[in-house]
Amino acid sequence: MTNLYFKGVWKIHKVLIDTIKGPHYFLTPMVMQMQKKFNKYWAEYSLVLLSVTILDPCYKLNYVQYSFITIYGAHCANHS
């Protein structure tokens, strides 16, 4: 079940990032506040979620690598 939680949390993280970069600039201040709160919890729990996801035979390490590259781009090594 925790592996599915990582997928959902990753999608939320991606939506927040895409919304800030997107064409709807009036949403940016609100989404930045949401992202600040999200990042606090992401920093605390991402390692646990990553570990469980890597151990899941359906996802493995490739999914985690894809997720981090999608979110952080070339700087993904700094955030893992």
PDB file of N, CA and C in Angstrom:
ATOM      1  N   MET A   1       0.809  -1.185   0.000  1.00  0.00           N
ATOM      2  CA  MET A   1       0.000   0.000   0.000  1.00  0.00           C
ATOM      3  C   MET A   1       0.861   1.260   0.000  1.00  0.00           C
ATOM      4  N   THR A   2       1.993   1.204   0.688  1.00  0.00           N
ATOM      5  CA  THR A   2       2.866   2.369   0.744  1.00  0.00           C
ATOM      6  C   THR A   2       3.428   2.709  -0.625  1.00  0.00           C
ATOM      7  N   ASN A   3       3.656   1.696  -1.460  1.00  0.00           N
ATOM      8  CA  ASN A   3       4.159   1.952  -2.802  1.00  0.00           C
ATOM      9  C   ASN A   3       3.174   2.779  -3.613  1.00  0.00           C
ATOM     10  N   LEU A   4       1.892   2.556  -3.428  1.00  0.00           N
ATOM     11  CA  LEU A   4       0.866   3.345  -4.110  1.00  0.00           C
ATOM     12  C   LEU A   4       0.818   4.761  -3.556  1.00  0.00           C
ATOM     13  N   TYR A   5       1.126   4.894  -2.291  1.00  0.00           N
ATOM     14  CA  TYR A   5       1.164   6.216  -1.662  1.00  0.00           C
ATOM     15  C   TYR A   5       2.258   7.069  -2.298  1.00  0.00           C
ATOM     16  N   PHE A   6       3.425   6.480  -2.551  1.00  0.00           N
ATOM     17  CA  PHE A   6       4.502   7.223  -3.203  1.00  0.00           C
ATOM     18  C   PHE A   6       4.053   7.740  -4.562  1.00  0.00           C
ATOM     19  N   LYS A   7       3.378   6.903  -5.324  1.00  0.00           N
ATOM     20  CA  LYS A   7       2.913   7.309  -6.652  1.00  0.00           C
ATOM     21  C   LYS A   7       1.958   8.501  -6.545  1.00  0.00           C
ATOM     22  N   GLY A   8       1.041   8.471  -5.600  1.00  0.00           N
ATOM     23  CA  GLY A   8       0.098   9.570  -5.418  1.00  0.00           C
ATOM     24  C   GLY A   8       0.775  10.853  -4.966  1.00  0.00           C
ATOM     25  N   VAL A   9       1.702  10.726  -4.031  1.00  0.00           N
ATOM     26  CA  VAL A   9       2.413  11.900  -3.522  1.00  0.00           C
ATOM     27  C   VAL A   9       3.291  12.488  -4.624  1.00  0.00           C
ATOM     28  N   TRP A  10       3.912  11.630  -5.422  1.00  0.00           N
ATOM     29  CA  TRP A  10       4.737  12.107  -6.534  1.00  0.00           C
ATOM     30  C   TRP A  10       3.886  12.890  -7.538  1.00  0.00           C
ATOM     31  N   LYS A  11       2.686  12.407  -7.814  1.00  0.00           N
ATOM     32  CA  LYS A  11       1.802  13.106  -8.746  1.00  0.00           C
ATOM     33  C   LYS A  11       1.424  14.495  -8.206  1.00  0.00           C
ATOM     34  N   ILE A  12       1.159  14.581  -6.914  1.00  0.00           N
ATOM     35  CA  ILE A  12       0.841  15.874  -6.303  1.00  0.00           C
ATOM     36  C   ILE A  12       2.029  16.813  -6.436  1.00  0.00           C
ATOM     37  N   HIS A  13       3.212  16.315  -6.154  1.00  0.00           N
ATOM     38  CA  HIS A  13       4.426  17.118  -6.267  1.00  0.00           C
ATOM     39  C   HIS A  13       4.593  17.635  -7.700  1.00  0.00           C
ATOM     40  N   LYS A  14       4.377  16.768  -8.662  1.00  0.00           N
ATOM     41  CA  LYS A  14       4.502  17.144 -10.074  1.00  0.00           C
ATOM     42  C   LYS A  14       3.466  18.199 -10.467  1.00  0.00           C
ATOM     43  N   VAL A  15       2.235  18.050 -10.008  1.00  0.00           N
ATOM     44  CA  VAL A  15       1.188  19.033 -10.321  1.00  0.00           C
ATOM     45  C   VAL A  15       1.532  20.398  -9.736  1.00  0.00           C
ATOM     46  N   LEU A  16       2.047  20.424  -8.529  1.00  0.00           N
ATOM     47  CA  LEU A  16       2.443  21.695  -7.922  1.00  0.00           C
ATOM     48  C   LEU A  16       3.537  22.378  -8.744  1.00  0.00           C
ATOM     49  N   ILE A  17       4.539  21.624  -9.137  1.00  0.00           N
ATOM     50  CA  ILE A  17       5.629  22.184  -9.931  1.00  0.00           C
ATOM     51  C   ILE A  17       5.120  22.662 -11.288  1.00  0.00           C
ATOM     52  N   ASP A  18       4.304  21.849 -11.954  1.00  0.00           N
ATOM     53  CA  ASP A  18       3.781  22.219 -13.273  1.00  0.00           C
ATOM     54  C   ASP A  18       2.868  23.432 -13.206  1.00  0.00           C
ATOM     55  N   THR A  19       2.121  23.568 -12.127  1.00  0.00           N
ATOM     56  CA  THR A  19       1.219  24.708 -11.980  1.00  0.00           C
ATOM     57  C   THR A  19       2.007  26.006 -11.804  1.00  0.00           C
ATOM     58  N   ILE A  20       3.090  25.945 -11.063  1.00  0.00           N
ATOM     59  CA  ILE A  20       3.926  27.139 -10.886  1.00  0.00           C
ATOM     60  C   ILE A  20       4.540  27.556 -12.220  1.00  0.00           C
ATOM     61  N   LYS A  21       4.950  26.592 -13.031  1.00  0.00           N
ATOM     62  CA  LYS A  21       5.576  26.888 -14.323  1.00  0.00           C
ATOM     63  C   LYS A  21       4.550  27.157 -15.424  1.00  0.00           C
ATOM     64  N   GLY A  22       3.295  26.847 -15.155  1.00  0.00           N
ATOM     65  CA  GLY A  22       2.260  26.901 -16.180  1.00  0.00           C
ATOM     66  C   GLY A  22       1.782  28.292 -16.539  1.00  0.00           C
ATOM     67  N   PRO A  23       0.802  28.334 -17.421  1.00  0.00           N
ATOM     68  CA  PRO A  23       0.325  29.617 -17.950  1.00  0.00           C
ATOM     69  C   PRO A  23      -0.607  30.385 -17.003  1.00  0.00           C
ATOM     70  N   HIS A  24      -1.050  29.773 -15.929  1.00  0.00           N
ATOM     71  CA  HIS A  24      -1.995  30.412 -15.022  1.00  0.00           C
ATOM     72  C   HIS A  24      -1.230  31.088 -13.872  1.00  0.00           C
ATOM     73  N   TYR A  25      -0.661  32.228 -14.153  1.00  0.00           N
ATOM     74  CA  TYR A  25       0.210  32.901 -13.192  1.00  0.00           C
ATOM     75  C   TYR A  25      -0.532  33.416 -11.964  1.00  0.00           C
ATOM     76  N   PHE A  26      -1.835  33.576 -12.055  1.00  0.00           N
ATOM     77  CA  PHE A  26      -2.586  34.032 -10.889  1.00  0.00           C
ATOM     78  C   PHE A  26      -2.620  32.969  -9.791  1.00  0.00           C
ATOM     79  N   LEU A  27      -2.343  31.725 -10.140  1.00  0.00           N
ATOM     80  CA  LEU A  27      -2.311  30.643  -9.159  1.00  0.00           C
ATOM     81  C   LEU A  27      -0.958  30.517  -8.458  1.00  0.00           C
ATOM     82  N   THR A  28       0.064  31.111  -9.025  1.00  0.00           N
ATOM     83  CA  THR A  28       1.431  30.913  -8.538  1.00  0.00           C
ATOM     84  C   THR A  28       1.609  31.229  -7.054  1.00  0.00           C
ATOM     85  N   PRO A  29       1.141  32.363  -6.522  1.00  0.00           N
ATOM     86  CA  PRO A  29       1.360  32.622  -5.087  1.00  0.00           C
ATOM     87  C   PRO A  29       0.723  31.564  -4.178  1.00  0.00           C
ATOM     88  N   MET A  30      -0.479  31.141  -4.506  1.00  0.00           N
ATOM     89  CA  MET A  30      -1.165  30.145  -3.690  1.00  0.00           C
ATOM     90  C   MET A  30      -0.445  28.793  -3.773  1.00  0.00           C
ATOM     91  N   VAL A  31      -0.061  28.401  -4.972  1.00  0.00           N
ATOM     92  CA  VAL A  31       0.587  27.111  -5.166  1.00  0.00           C
ATOM     93  C   VAL A  31       1.977  27.103  -4.521  1.00  0.00           C
ATOM     94  N   MET A  32       2.647  28.230  -4.522  1.00  0.00           N
ATOM     95  CA  MET A  32       3.958  28.297  -3.868  1.00  0.00           C
ATOM     96  C   MET A  32       3.839  28.093  -2.362  1.00  0.00           C
ATOM     97  N   GLN A  33       2.779  28.606  -1.754  1.00  0.00           N
ATOM     98  CA  GLN A  33       2.534  28.358  -0.326  1.00  0.00           C
ATOM     99  C   GLN A  33       2.241  26.883  -0.081  1.00  0.00           C
ATOM    100  N   MET A  34       1.458  26.298  -0.967  1.00  0.00           N
ATOM    101  CA  MET A  34       1.152  24.871  -0.843  1.00  0.00           C
ATOM    102  C   MET A  34       2.424  24.036  -1.003  1.00  0.00           C
ATOM    103  N   GLN A  35       3.258  24.429  -1.960  1.00  0.00           N
ATOM    104  CA  GLN A  35       4.487  23.688  -2.213  1.00  0.00           C
ATOM    105  C   GLN A  35       5.446  23.793  -1.028  1.00  0.00           C
ATOM    106  N   LYS A  36       5.476  24.926  -0.377  1.00  0.00           N
ATOM    107  CA  LYS A  36       6.334  25.095   0.803  1.00  0.00           C
ATOM    108  C   LYS A  36       5.943  24.099   1.901  1.00  0.00           C
ATOM    109  N   LYS A  37       4.649  23.974   2.152  1.00  0.00           N
ATOM    110  CA  LYS A  37       4.170  23.006   3.153  1.00  0.00           C
ATOM    111  C   LYS A  37       4.427  21.574   2.683  1.00  0.00           C
ATOM    112  N   PHE A  38       4.191  21.338   1.410  1.00  0.00           N
ATOM    113  CA  PHE A  38       4.414  20.005   0.858  1.00  0.00           C
ATOM    114  C   PHE A  38       5.875  19.599   0.990  1.00  0.00           C
ATOM    115  N   ASN A  39       6.791  20.510   0.677  1.00  0.00           N
ATOM    116  CA  ASN A  39       8.219  20.206   0.736  1.00  0.00           C
ATOM    117  C   ASN A  39       8.676  19.843   2.140  1.00  0.00           C
ATOM    118  N   LYS A  40       8.048  20.433   3.139  1.00  0.00           N
ATOM    119  CA  LYS A  40       8.382  20.104   4.531  1.00  0.00           C
ATOM    120  C   LYS A  40       8.124  18.625   4.796  1.00  0.00           C
ATOM    121  N   TYR A  41       6.963  18.143   4.409  1.00  0.00           N
ATOM    122  CA  TYR A  41       6.621  16.741   4.637  1.00  0.00           C
ATOM    123  C   TYR A  41       7.368  15.828   3.676  1.00  0.00           C
ATOM    124  N   TRP A  42       7.599  16.269   2.463  1.00  0.00           N
ATOM    125  CA  TRP A  42       8.327  15.475   1.485  1.00  0.00           C
ATOM    126  C   TRP A  42       9.758  15.213   1.985  1.00  0.00           C
ATOM    127  N   ALA A  43      10.384  16.205   2.565  1.00  0.00           N
ATOM    128  CA  ALA A  43      11.743  16.049   3.074  1.00  0.00           C
ATOM    129  C   ALA A  43      11.791  15.026   4.211  1.00  0.00           C
ATOM    130  N   GLU A  44      10.746  14.974   5.015  1.00  0.00           N
ATOM    131  CA  GLU A  44      10.728  14.061   6.155  1.00  0.00           C
ATOM    132  C   GLU A  44      10.419  12.618   5.760  1.00  0.00           C
ATOM    133  N   TYR A  45       9.556  12.419   4.757  1.00  0.00           N
ATOM    134  CA  TYR A  45       9.059  11.081   4.476  1.00  0.00           C
ATOM    135  C   TYR A  45       9.492  10.502   3.133  1.00  0.00           C
ATOM    136  N   SER A  46      10.173  11.261   2.312  1.00  0.00           N
ATOM    137  CA  SER A  46      10.501  10.761   0.980  1.00  0.00           C
ATOM    138  C   SER A  46      11.423   9.544   1.037  1.00  0.00           C
ATOM    139  N   LEU A  47      12.368   9.516   1.963  1.00  0.00           N
ATOM    140  CA  LEU A  47      13.293   8.389   2.049  1.00  0.00           C
ATOM    141  C   LEU A  47      12.563   7.085   2.388  1.00  0.00           C
ATOM    142  N   VAL A  48      11.622   7.151   3.302  1.00  0.00           N
ATOM    143  CA  VAL A  48      10.843   5.964   3.670  1.00  0.00           C
ATOM    144  C   VAL A  48      10.007   5.499   2.482  1.00  0.00           C
ATOM    145  N   LEU A  49       9.333   6.441   1.828  1.00  0.00           N
ATOM    146  CA  LEU A  49       8.508   6.087   0.672  1.00  0.00           C
ATOM    147  C   LEU A  49       9.354   5.531  -0.468  1.00  0.00           C
ATOM    148  N   LEU A  50      10.523   6.107  -0.680  1.00  0.00           N
ATOM    149  CA  LEU A  50      11.413   5.612  -1.728  1.00  0.00           C
ATOM    150  C   LEU A  50      11.863   4.198  -1.446  1.00  0.00           C
ATOM    151  N   SER A  51      12.225   3.922  -0.205  1.00  0.00           N
ATOM    152  CA  SER A  51      12.704   2.582   0.163  1.00  0.00           C
ATOM    153  C   SER A  51      11.646   1.522  -0.095  1.00  0.00           C
ATOM    154  N   VAL A  52      10.434   1.800   0.305  1.00  0.00           N
ATOM    155  CA  VAL A  52       9.349   0.832   0.116  1.00  0.00           C
ATOM    156  C   VAL A  52       9.036   0.656  -1.368  1.00  0.00           C
ATOM    157  N   THR A  53       9.080   1.729  -2.121  1.00  0.00           N
ATOM    158  CA  THR A  53       8.785   1.665  -3.547  1.00  0.00           C
ATOM    159  C   THR A  53       9.854   0.871  -4.284  1.00  0.00           C
ATOM    160  N   ILE A  54      11.117   1.038  -3.904  1.00  0.00           N
ATOM    161  CA  ILE A  54      12.201   0.292  -4.543  1.00  0.00           C
ATOM    162  C   ILE A  54      12.048  -1.207  -4.285  1.00  0.00           C
ATOM    163  N   LEU A  55      11.561  -1.569  -3.107  1.00  0.00           N
ATOM    164  CA  LEU A  55      11.398  -2.978  -2.769  1.00  0.00           C
ATOM    165  C   LEU A  55      10.183  -3.617  -3.436  1.00  0.00           C
ATOM    166  N   ASP A  56       9.273  -2.831  -3.944  1.00  0.00           N
ATOM    167  CA  ASP A  56       8.088  -3.362  -4.620  1.00  0.00           C
ATOM    168  C   ASP A  56       8.485  -3.919  -5.985  1.00  0.00           C
ATOM    169  N   PRO A  57       8.122  -5.167  -6.289  1.00  0.00           N
ATOM    170  CA  PRO A  57       8.516  -5.760  -7.570  1.00  0.00           C
ATOM    171  C   PRO A  57       7.891  -5.078  -8.788  1.00  0.00           C
ATOM    172  N   CYS A  58       6.817  -4.347  -8.608  1.00  0.00           N
ATOM    173  CA  CYS A  58       6.172  -3.666  -9.742  1.00  0.00           C
ATOM    174  C   CYS A  58       6.905  -2.392 -10.143  1.00  0.00           C
ATOM    175  N   TYR A  59       7.537  -1.717  -9.201  1.00  0.00           N
ATOM    176  CA  TYR A  59       8.133  -0.416  -9.487  1.00  0.00           C
ATOM    177  C   TYR A  59       9.652  -0.456  -9.564  1.00  0.00           C
ATOM    178  N   LYS A  60      10.288  -0.940  -8.521  1.00  0.00           N
ATOM    179  CA  LYS A  60      11.740  -1.019  -8.439  1.00  0.00           C
ATOM    180  C   LYS A  60      12.413   0.347  -8.517  1.00  0.00           C
ATOM    181  N   LEU A  61      13.714   0.335  -8.722  1.00  0.00           N
ATOM    182  CA  LEU A  61      14.522   1.547  -8.733  1.00  0.00           C
ATOM    183  C   LEU A  61      14.258   2.409  -9.964  1.00  0.00           C
ATOM    184  N   ASN A  62      13.943   1.814 -11.085  1.00  0.00           N
ATOM    185  CA  ASN A  62      13.715   2.584 -12.311  1.00  0.00           C
ATOM    186  C   ASN A  62      12.586   3.597 -12.150  1.00  0.00           C
ATOM    187  N   TYR A  63      11.514   3.210 -11.485  1.00  0.00           N
ATOM    188  CA  TYR A  63      10.388   4.118 -11.286  1.00  0.00           C
ATOM    189  C   TYR A  63      10.785   5.299 -10.403  1.00  0.00           C
ATOM    190  N   VAL A  64      11.550   5.019  -9.362  1.00  0.00           N
ATOM    191  CA  VAL A  64      11.999   6.082  -8.461  1.00  0.00           C
ATOM    192  C   VAL A  64      12.931   7.039  -9.209  1.00  0.00           C
ATOM    193  N   GLN A  65      13.833   6.495 -10.011  1.00  0.00           N
ATOM    194  CA  GLN A  65      14.727   7.344 -10.801  1.00  0.00           C
ATOM    195  C   GLN A  65      13.927   8.203 -11.772  1.00  0.00           C
ATOM    196  N   TYR A  66      12.969   7.606 -12.451  1.00  0.00           N
ATOM    197  CA  TYR A  66      12.114   8.358 -13.381  1.00  0.00           C
ATOM    198  C   TYR A  66      11.371   9.479 -12.643  1.00  0.00           C
ATOM    199  N   SER A  67      10.840   9.166 -11.473  1.00  0.00           N
ATOM    200  CA  SER A  67      10.092  10.152 -10.691  1.00  0.00           C
ATOM    201  C   SER A  67      10.963  11.344 -10.321  1.00  0.00           C
ATOM    202  N   PHE A  68      12.166  11.075  -9.845  1.00  0.00           N
ATOM    203  CA  PHE A  68      13.047  12.165  -9.436  1.00  0.00           C
ATOM    204  C   PHE A  68      13.550  12.970 -10.628  1.00  0.00           C
ATOM    205  N   ILE A  69      13.842  12.315 -11.727  1.00  0.00           N
ATOM    206  CA  ILE A  69      14.273  13.043 -12.923  1.00  0.00           C
ATOM    207  C   ILE A  69      13.146  13.926 -13.434  1.00  0.00           C
ATOM    208  N   THR A  70      11.916  13.434 -13.383  1.00  0.00           N
ATOM    209  CA  THR A  70      10.767  14.219 -13.840  1.00  0.00           C
ATOM    210  C   THR A  70      10.557  15.457 -12.974  1.00  0.00           C
ATOM    211  N   ILE A  71      10.740  15.315 -11.684  1.00  0.00           N
ATOM    212  CA  ILE A  71      10.520  16.437 -10.765  1.00  0.00           C
ATOM    213  C   ILE A  71      11.706  17.407 -10.758  1.00  0.00           C
ATOM    214  N   TYR A  72      12.918  16.882 -10.616  1.00  0.00           N
ATOM    215  CA  TYR A  72      14.078  17.734 -10.382  1.00  0.00           C
ATOM    216  C   TYR A  72      14.978  17.930 -11.599  1.00  0.00           C
ATOM    217  N   GLY A  73      14.784  17.177 -12.643  1.00  0.00           N
ATOM    218  CA  GLY A  73      15.607  17.308 -13.840  1.00  0.00           C
ATOM    219  C   GLY A  73      17.045  16.887 -13.568  1.00  0.00           C
ATOM    220  N   ALA A  74      17.973  17.677 -14.060  1.00  0.00           N
ATOM    221  CA  ALA A  74      19.396  17.358 -13.946  1.00  0.00           C
ATOM    222  C   ALA A  74      19.890  17.410 -12.503  1.00  0.00           C
ATOM    223  N   HIS A  75      19.144  18.050 -11.611  1.00  0.00           N
ATOM    224  CA  HIS A  75      19.569  18.200 -10.223  1.00  0.00           C
ATOM    225  C   HIS A  75      18.978  17.128  -9.315  1.00  0.00           C
ATOM    226  N   CYS A  76      18.514  16.022  -9.865  1.00  0.00           N
ATOM    227  CA  CYS A  76      17.837  15.002  -9.047  1.00  0.00           C
ATOM    228  C   CYS A  76      18.764  14.351  -8.033  1.00  0.00           C
ATOM    229  N   ALA A  77      20.057  14.270  -8.300  1.00  0.00           N
ATOM    230  CA  ALA A  77      20.980  13.666  -7.355  1.00  0.00           C
ATOM    231  C   ALA A  77      21.082  14.482  -6.058  1.00  0.00           C
ATOM    232  N   ASN A  78      20.814  15.763  -6.129  1.00  0.00           N
ATOM    233  CA  ASN A  78      20.876  16.626  -4.945  1.00  0.00           C
ATOM    234  C   ASN A  78      19.704  16.426  -4.003  1.00  0.00           C
ATOM    235  N   HIS A  79      18.621  15.821  -4.478  1.00  0.00           N
ATOM    236  CA  HIS A  79      17.386  15.711  -3.701  1.00  0.00           C
ATOM    237  C   HIS A  79      17.087  14.312  -3.213  1.00  0.00           C
ATOM    238  N   SER A  80      17.893  13.348  -3.528  1.00  0.00           N
ATOM    239  CA  SER A  80      17.579  11.974  -3.101  1.00  0.00           C
ATOM    240  C   SER A  80      18.235  11.638  -1.796  1.00  0.00           C
TER     241      SER A  80
END
